[in-house]
Protein backbone atom coordinates (compact mmCIF):
# COMPACT_ATOMS: atom_id res chain seq x y z
CA MET A 1 0.00 0.00 -0.02
CA SER A 2 1.26 3.47 -0.80
CA LEU A 3 0.24 6.70 0.96
CA HIS A 4 2.08 9.55 -0.74
CA GLU A 5 1.46 12.70 1.23
CA THR A 6 -1.90 11.51 2.50
CA ALA A 7 -3.24 13.74 5.26
CA LEU A 8 -4.77 11.68 8.14
CA ARG A 9 -5.16 14.49 10.71
CA GLY A 10 -7.49 13.30 13.47
CA ALA A 11 -8.09 9.91 11.83
CA PHE A 12 -9.13 6.87 14.00
CA PHE A 13 -7.70 3.40 13.26
CA SER A 14 -9.05 0.38 15.02
CA GLU A 15 -8.22 -3.32 14.64
CA CYS A 16 -6.04 -2.82 11.55
CA LEU A 17 -3.19 -4.66 9.87
CA ALA A 18 -1.06 -2.80 7.32
CA THR A 19 1.73 -4.65 5.54
CA ASP A 20 4.33 -3.38 3.07
CA LEU A 21 3.12 0.21 3.66
CA HIS A 22 5.10 2.97 1.85
CA ALA A 23 4.50 6.49 2.99
CA PRO A 24 7.29 9.01 2.24
CA VAL A 25 5.56 11.87 4.05
CA PRO A 26 2.92 10.39 6.39
CA SER A 27 0.91 12.92 8.33
CA ALA A 28 -1.42 11.77 11.10
CA PRO A 29 -1.28 14.41 13.87
CA ARG A 30 -3.93 14.19 16.57
CA SER A 31 -4.90 10.73 15.28
CA SER A 32 -5.99 7.78 17.44
CA SER A 33 -5.26 4.11 17.00
CA ARG A 34 -6.22 0.92 18.94
CA ASP A 35 -5.18 -2.64 18.20
CA VAL A 36 -3.10 -1.74 15.11
CA ARG A 37 -0.24 -3.79 13.62
CA ILE A 38 2.13 -2.44 10.95
CA GLU A 39 4.54 -4.86 9.21
CA ARG A 40 7.43 -4.03 6.81
CA ALA A 41 6.65 -0.27 6.45
CA ARG A 42 8.92 2.39 5.05
CA LEU A 43 7.79 5.63 6.57
CA GLY A 44 9.27 9.10 6.20
CA LEU A 45 11.78 8.62 3.43
CA ALA A 46 11.16 11.74 1.37
CA TRP A 47 13.14 15.04 1.45
CA PHE A 48 12.60 15.67 5.15
CA GLY A 49 11.61 12.12 6.12
CA LEU A 50 9.11 13.19 8.69
CA VAL A 51 6.57 10.95 10.28
CA GLU A 52 4.18 13.52 11.75
CA THR A 53 2.22 11.95 14.63
CA TYR A 54 2.32 14.66 17.24
CA GLU A 55 -0.46 14.69 19.92
CA ALA A 56 -1.54 11.23 18.66
CA ARG A 57 -3.16 8.60 20.96
CA MET A 58 -1.88 5.06 20.34
CA ARG A 59 -3.11 2.01 22.27
CA SER A 60 -2.09 -1.58 21.55
CA MET A 61 0.04 -0.82 18.54
CA HIS A 62 2.85 -3.01 17.18
CA ILE A 63 5.24 -1.86 14.45
CA ASN A 64 7.51 -4.61 13.28
CA GLY A 65 10.32 -4.85 10.71
CA SER A 66 9.90 -1.24 9.49
CA LYS A 67 12.14 1.69 8.68
CA LEU A 68 11.17 5.04 10.15
CA ASP A 69 13.23 8.19 9.42
CA PHE A 70 12.28 11.12 11.72
CA VAL A 71 9.33 10.28 13.96
CA ASN A 72 7.56 13.19 15.75
CA LEU A 73 5.64 11.85 18.73
CA ARG A 74 5.70 15.08 20.72
CA ASN A 75 2.87 15.30 23.28
CA ALA A 76 1.57 11.84 22.22
CA ALA A 77 0.02 9.31 24.63
CA LEU A 78 1.32 5.78 24.09
CA THR A 79 -0.19 2.76 25.81
CA ASP A 80 1.15 -0.75 25.01
CA VAL A 81 3.06 0.37 21.98
CA LEU A 82 5.87 -1.95 20.76
CA LEU A 83 8.47 -1.22 18.11
CA SER A 84 10.43 -4.36 17.20
CA ASN A 85 13.02 -5.02 14.55
CA CYS A 86 12.77 -1.42 13.35
CA ILE A 87 15.34 1.05 12.08
CA ILE A 88 14.65 4.54 13.45
CA GLY A 89 16.71 7.54 12.31
CA GLU A 90 15.53 10.09 14.86
CA LEU A 91 12.72 10.06 17.46
CA ASP A 92 11.14 13.07 19.13
CA LEU A 93 9.53 12.02 22.46
CA GLY A 94 9.19 15.47 23.99
CA SER A 95 6.35 15.53 26.56
CA VAL A 96 5.19 11.99 25.60
CA THR A 97 3.06 10.04 28.13
CA VAL A 98 3.90 6.31 28.12
CA GLN A 99 2.01 3.50 29.86
């Protein structure tokens, strides 16, 4: 699946599985997710390589075997979020709440 510059501001994802996802400039600020699994994704690989998810709410999320360039999780709330076998270039966790 490819999401080139798709704006997902305030979107809600529930009980989803995304495999082989390619999104060079993903933007999902203030979004919410619950029971989401992402496999083999390449996120944020464009000019600035930004994964924009500030102020997001994530619950029961697993990202596996993915490459993420710059991930902005500033002011996000993360509950039961697991990143495994991932390559992360830079991660902004300023004011993040983690449970």
